[in-house]
C-alpha atoms as a PDB file:
ATOM      1  CA  MET A   1       9.545  -9.853   1.917  1.00  0.00           C
ATOM      2  CA  ALA A   2       7.029  -8.368  -0.938  1.00  0.00           C
ATOM      3  CA  PHE A   3       6.859  -4.958  -1.863  1.00  0.00           C
ATOM      4  CA  TYR A   4       3.930  -2.603  -2.250  1.00  0.00           C
ATOM      5  CA  TYR A   5       3.529   0.687  -3.924  1.00  0.00           C
ATOM      6  CA  LEU A   6       0.681   2.220  -2.160  1.00  0.00           C
ATOM      7  CA  GLU A   7      -1.307   4.129  -4.699  1.00  0.00           C
ATOM      8  CA  THR A   8      -2.893   7.010  -2.677  1.00  0.00           C
ATOM      9  CA  SER A   9      -6.417   5.078  -2.747  1.00  0.00           C
ATOM     10  CA  ALA A  10      -5.088   2.415  -0.956  1.00  0.00           C
ATOM     11  CA  LEU A  11      -2.903   4.702   1.439  1.00  0.00           C
ATOM     12  CA  VAL A  12      -5.789   6.538   2.560  1.00  0.00           C
ATOM     13  CA  LYS A  13      -6.923   3.133   3.682  1.00  0.00           C
ATOM     14  CA  LEU A  14      -4.421   2.974   6.791  1.00  0.00           C
ATOM     15  CA  TYR A  15      -5.907   6.085   8.250  1.00  0.00           C
ATOM     16  CA  VAL A  16      -9.821   6.682   6.676  1.00  0.00           C
ATOM     17  CA  ARG A  17     -11.953   3.437   7.537  1.00  0.00           C
ATOM     18  CA  GLU A  18     -13.433   2.973   3.803  1.00  0.00           C
ATOM     19  CA  PRO A  19     -14.012  -0.772   2.255  1.00  0.00           C
ATOM     20  CA  GLY A  20     -10.127  -2.564   2.083  1.00  0.00           C
ATOM     21  CA  THR A  21      -9.092  -0.898   5.022  1.00  0.00           C
ATOM     22  CA  GLU A  22      -8.674  -4.274   6.583  1.00  0.00           C
ATOM     23  CA  ARG A  23      -6.809  -5.713   3.641  1.00  0.00           C
ATOM     24  CA  VAL A  24      -3.958  -2.726   3.487  1.00  0.00           C
ATOM     25  CA  LEU A  25      -3.696  -2.968   7.055  1.00  0.00           C
ATOM     26  CA  ALA A  26      -2.916  -6.087   7.097  1.00  0.00           C
ATOM     27  CA  LEU A  27      -0.360  -5.996   4.246  1.00  0.00           C
ATOM     28  CA  THR A  28       1.209  -3.359   6.468  1.00  0.00           C
ATOM     29  CA  THR A  29       1.707  -4.770   9.595  1.00  0.00           C
ATOM     30  CA  ARG A  30       4.897  -3.954  11.625  1.00  0.00           C
ATOM     31  CA  SER A  31       5.232  -7.289  12.331  1.00  0.00           C
ATOM     32  CA  SER A  32       5.101  -8.033   8.355  1.00  0.00           C
ATOM     33  CA  GLU A  33       8.366  -7.719   6.186  1.00  0.00           C
ATOM     34  CA  ASN A  34       6.960  -6.236   3.447  1.00  0.00           C
ATOM     35  CA  ARG A  35       7.791  -3.068   2.303  1.00  0.00           C
ATOM     36  CA  TRP A  36       5.830   0.579   1.101  1.00  0.00           C
ATOM     37  CA  PRO A  37       6.216   3.242  -1.487  1.00  0.00           C
ATOM     38  CA  PHE A  38       3.968   5.755  -2.435  1.00  0.00           C
ATOM     39  CA  GLY A  39       4.929   8.861  -3.955  1.00  0.00           C
ATOM     40  CA  PHE A  40       4.946  11.320  -1.863  1.00  0.00           C
ATOM     41  CA  ILE A  41       3.966  15.060  -3.239  1.00  0.00           C
ATOM     42  CA  PRO A  42       0.639  13.498  -5.022  1.00  0.00           C
ATOM     43  CA  GLY A  43       0.236  11.630  -1.485  1.00  0.00           C
ATOM     44  CA  ARG A  44      -0.281  13.959   0.616  1.00  0.00           C
ATOM     45  CA  THR A  45      -3.133  16.430  -1.171  1.00  0.00           C
ATOM     46  CA  PRO A  46      -5.889  13.488  -1.513  1.00  0.00           C
ATOM     47  CA  LEU A  47      -4.701  11.984   1.754  1.00  0.00           C
ATOM     48  CA  CYS A  48      -6.035  15.592   3.125  1.00  0.00           C
ATOM     49  CA  ASP A  49      -8.670  15.980   1.099  1.00  0.00           C
ATOM     50  CA  LYS A  50     -10.306  12.463   1.611  1.00  0.00           C
ATOM     51  CA  ALA A  51     -10.065  12.875   6.088  1.00  0.00           C
ATOM     52  CA  ALA A  52     -11.490  16.153   5.787  1.00  0.00           C
ATOM     53  CA  ARG A  53     -14.558  14.719   4.115  1.00  0.00           C
ATOM     54  CA  LYS A  54     -14.669  12.010   6.557  1.00  0.00           C
ATOM     55  CA  GLY A  55     -14.002  14.277   9.585  1.00  0.00           C
ATOM     56  CA  GLY A  56     -17.972  15.732   9.612  1.00  0.00           C
ATOM     57  CA  ARG A  57     -18.798  18.497  11.473  1.00  0.00           C
ATOM     58  CA  HIS A  58     -14.793  18.800  12.357  1.00  0.00           C
ATOM     59  CA  PRO A  59     -13.416  18.271   8.718  1.00  0.00           C
ATOM     60  CA  THR A  60      -9.548  20.661   9.584  1.00  0.00           C
ATOM     61  CA  LEU A  61      -9.588  18.923  12.743  1.00  0.00           C
ATOM     62  CA  ALA A  62      -9.718  15.389  11.289  1.00  0.00           C
ATOM     63  CA  ALA A  63      -7.389  16.231   8.368  1.00  0.00           C
ATOM     64  CA  ASN A  64      -4.933  18.087  10.874  1.00  0.00           C
ATOM     65  CA  GLU A  65      -4.574  14.953  13.099  1.00  0.00           C
ATOM     66  CA  LEU A  66      -4.185  12.822  10.305  1.00  0.00           C
ATOM     67  CA  LEU A  67      -1.418  15.088   8.678  1.00  0.00           C
ATOM     68  CA  ALA A  68       0.026  14.456  11.821  1.00  0.00           C
ATOM     69  CA  THR A  69       0.506  10.805  12.180  1.00  0.00           C
ATOM     70  CA  PHE A  70       1.066  10.405   8.702  1.00  0.00           C
ATOM     71  CA  LYS A  71       4.070  12.905   9.031  1.00  0.00           C
ATOM     72  CA  VAL A  72       5.237  10.611  11.755  1.00  0.00           C
ATOM     73  CA  HIS A  73       4.672   7.285   9.748  1.00  0.00           C
ATOM     74  CA  ILE A  74       6.413   8.618   6.758  1.00  0.00           C
ATOM     75  CA  GLU A  75       9.941   8.332   8.400  1.00  0.00           C
ATOM     76  CA  ALA A  76       9.622   5.561  10.634  1.00  0.00           C
ATOM     77  CA  ARG A  77       7.495   3.168   8.448  1.00  0.00           C
ATOM     78  CA  PHE A  78       7.362   3.960   4.219  1.00  0.00           C
ATOM     79  CA  VAL A  79       9.747   4.442   1.402  1.00  0.00           C
ATOM     80  CA  ILE A  80       9.164   7.224   0.136  1.00  0.00           C
ATOM     81  CA  GLN A  81       9.425   7.349  -4.253  1.00  0.00           C
ATOM     82  CA  LYS A  82      10.418  11.210  -5.221  1.00  0.00           C
ATOM     83  CA  ILE A  83       8.588  12.361  -7.640  1.00  0.00           C
ATOM     84  CA  THR A  84      11.548  13.800 -10.431  1.00  0.00           C
ATOM     85  CA  ASP A  85      12.116  15.366 -13.587  1.00  0.00           C
ATOM     86  CA  PHE A  86      12.207  12.000 -14.841  1.00  0.00           C
ATOM     87  CA  VAL A  87       8.973  10.478 -12.904  1.00  0.00           C
ATOM     88  CA  LEU A  88       6.780  13.844 -14.697  1.00  0.00           C
ATOM     89  CA  ASP A  89       8.536  12.892 -18.475  1.00  0.00           C
ATOM     90  CA  ILE A  90       6.756   9.505 -17.893  1.00  0.00           C
ATOM     91  CA  ALA A  91       3.878  10.548 -15.849  1.00  0.00           C
ATOM     92  CA  SER A  92       3.280  12.790 -19.653  1.00  0.00           C
ATOM     93  CA  VAL A  93       3.753  10.018 -21.527  1.00  0.00           C
ATOM     94  CA  LEU A  94       0.863   7.896 -19.507  1.00  0.00           C
ATOM     95  CA  VAL A  95      -1.606  11.105 -19.328  1.00  0.00           C
ATOM     96  CA  ASP A  96      -1.590  10.547 -23.144  1.00  0.00           C
ATOM     97  CA  ARG A  97      -1.209   6.938 -23.230  1.00  0.00           C
ATOM     98  CA  HIS A  98      -4.002   6.119 -20.792  1.00  0.00           C
ATOM     99  CA  THR A  99      -6.079   9.479 -20.472  1.00  0.00           C
ATOM    100  CA  LEU A 100      -5.574   9.599 -16.466  1.00  0.00           C
ATOM    101  CA  ARG A 101      -5.722  12.055 -14.301  1.00  0.00           C
ATOM    102  CA  ALA A 102      -2.265  14.169 -13.681  1.00  0.00           C
ATOM    103  CA  PHE A 103      -1.998  13.226  -9.820  1.00  0.00           C
ATOM    104  CA  ASP A 104      -3.062   9.416 -11.109  1.00  0.00           C
ATOM    105  CA  ALA A 105      -0.251   9.464 -13.740  1.00  0.00           C
ATOM    106  CA  ILE A 106       2.438  11.004 -11.204  1.00  0.00           C
ATOM    107  CA  GLN A 107       1.265   7.947  -8.782  1.00  0.00           C
ATOM    108  CA  LEU A 108       1.626   4.923 -12.082  1.00  0.00           C
ATOM    109  CA  ALA A 109       4.892   6.887 -13.426  1.00  0.00           C
ATOM    110  CA  GLY A 110       6.409   6.918  -9.156  1.00  0.00           C
ATOM    111  CA  TYR A 111       5.751   3.482  -9.830  1.00  0.00           C
ATOM    112  CA  VAL A 112       7.357   2.761 -12.998  1.00  0.00           C
ATOM    113  CA  VAL A 113      10.278   4.461 -12.106  1.00  0.00           C
ATOM    114  CA  LEU A 114      10.747   2.389  -8.658  1.00  0.00           C
ATOM    115  CA  ASN A 115       9.637  -0.969 -10.680  1.00  0.00           C
ATOM    116  CA  SER A 116      12.494  -0.063 -13.501  1.00  0.00           C
ATOM    117  CA  SER A 117      15.363  -0.072 -10.418  1.00  0.00           C
ATOM    118  CA  ALA A 118      14.043  -3.160  -8.423  1.00  0.00           C
ATOM    119  CA  ARG A 119      16.665  -5.595  -8.113  1.00  0.00           C
ATOM    120  CA  SER A 120      14.288  -8.251  -6.723  1.00  0.00           C
ATOM    121  CA  ASP A 121      10.400  -8.960  -7.905  1.00  0.00           C
ATOM    122  CA  MET A 122       8.085  -6.537  -9.459  1.00  0.00           C
ATOM    123  CA  PRO A 123       6.215  -4.822  -6.787  1.00  0.00           C
ATOM    124  CA  THR A 124       2.743  -4.699  -6.561  1.00  0.00           C
ATOM    125  CA  PHE A 125       0.533  -1.613  -7.250  1.00  0.00           C
ATOM    126  CA  VAL A 126      -1.795  -1.480  -4.604  1.00  0.00           C
ATOM    127  CA  CYS A 127      -4.992   0.863  -5.934  1.00  0.00           C
ATOM    128  CA  SER A 128      -9.004   1.184  -5.659  1.00  0.00           C
ATOM    129  CA  ASP A 129      -8.805   3.793  -8.201  1.00  0.00           C
ATOM    130  CA  GLN A 130     -10.644   1.369 -11.109  1.00  0.00           C
ATOM    131  CA  ALA A 131      -9.482   3.649 -14.016  1.00  0.00           C
ATOM    132  CA  LEU A 132      -5.841   3.774 -12.778  1.00  0.00           C
ATOM    133  CA  LEU A 133      -6.195  -0.541 -12.717  1.00  0.00           C
ATOM    134  CA  VAL A 134      -6.769  -0.873 -15.603  1.00  0.00           C
ATOM    135  CA  ALA A 135      -4.053   1.783 -17.147  1.00  0.00           C
ATOM    136  CA  ALA A 136      -1.786  -0.230 -14.574  1.00  0.00           C
ATOM    137  CA  LYS A 137      -2.831  -3.578 -15.756  1.00  0.00           C
ATOM    138  CA  GLN A 138      -2.448  -2.379 -19.426  1.00  0.00           C
ATOM    139  CA  GLU A 139       1.433  -1.309 -18.314  1.00  0.00           C
ATOM    140  CA  GLY A 140       1.990  -4.711 -17.237  1.00  0.00           C
ATOM    141  CA  MET A 141       2.136  -4.288 -13.604  1.00  0.00           C
ATOM    142  CA  VAL A 142       1.502  -6.854 -11.185  1.00  0.00           C
ATOM    143  CA  ILE A 143      -2.232  -4.647  -9.322  1.00  0.00           C
ATOM    144  CA  LEU A 144      -4.189  -5.214  -6.113  1.00  0.00           C
ATOM    145  CA  ASP A 145      -7.525  -3.989  -5.316  1.00  0.00           C
ATOM    146  CA  PRO A 146      -8.172  -4.103  -1.743  1.00  0.00           C
ATOM    147  CA  SER A 147     -11.267  -3.185  -2.165  1.00  0.00           C
ATOM    148  CA  SER A 148     -11.818  -6.440  -4.371  1.00  0.00           C
ATOM    149  CA  THR A 149     -13.486  -9.031  -2.415  1.00  0.00           C
ATOM    150  CA  THR A 150     -11.897 -11.215  -5.036  1.00  0.00           C
END
């Protein structure tokens, strides 16, 4: 069983068709025994923002539909990495070390905490944000960019 930490730029590909969607869908198929944690608080806001931008003339409707589906999936399909004070403390260090945006640093910090408590192989950090991937790689993480062709 593989363990993939879905950063928001990867998570959104499950709900909005864009480059990398097929690869993320392949990782998360129901027949797969993979597990998919993500950072809950920062995952919601960018996800809805992306849906609203893709919603055309009815952005609120698209965002609401996406959020309803996402809420069902949270309980049934995902492992939620809670955003704790410890995660926020690590995020503060990561913001300074890599000049990251706050939400990105929280995502990365969530992975760091998850990885430190993992009993088996290191989880793969799945992300399509290039600056965040560079920071993750510098932190020694196993990374996967679902949008890349390699």
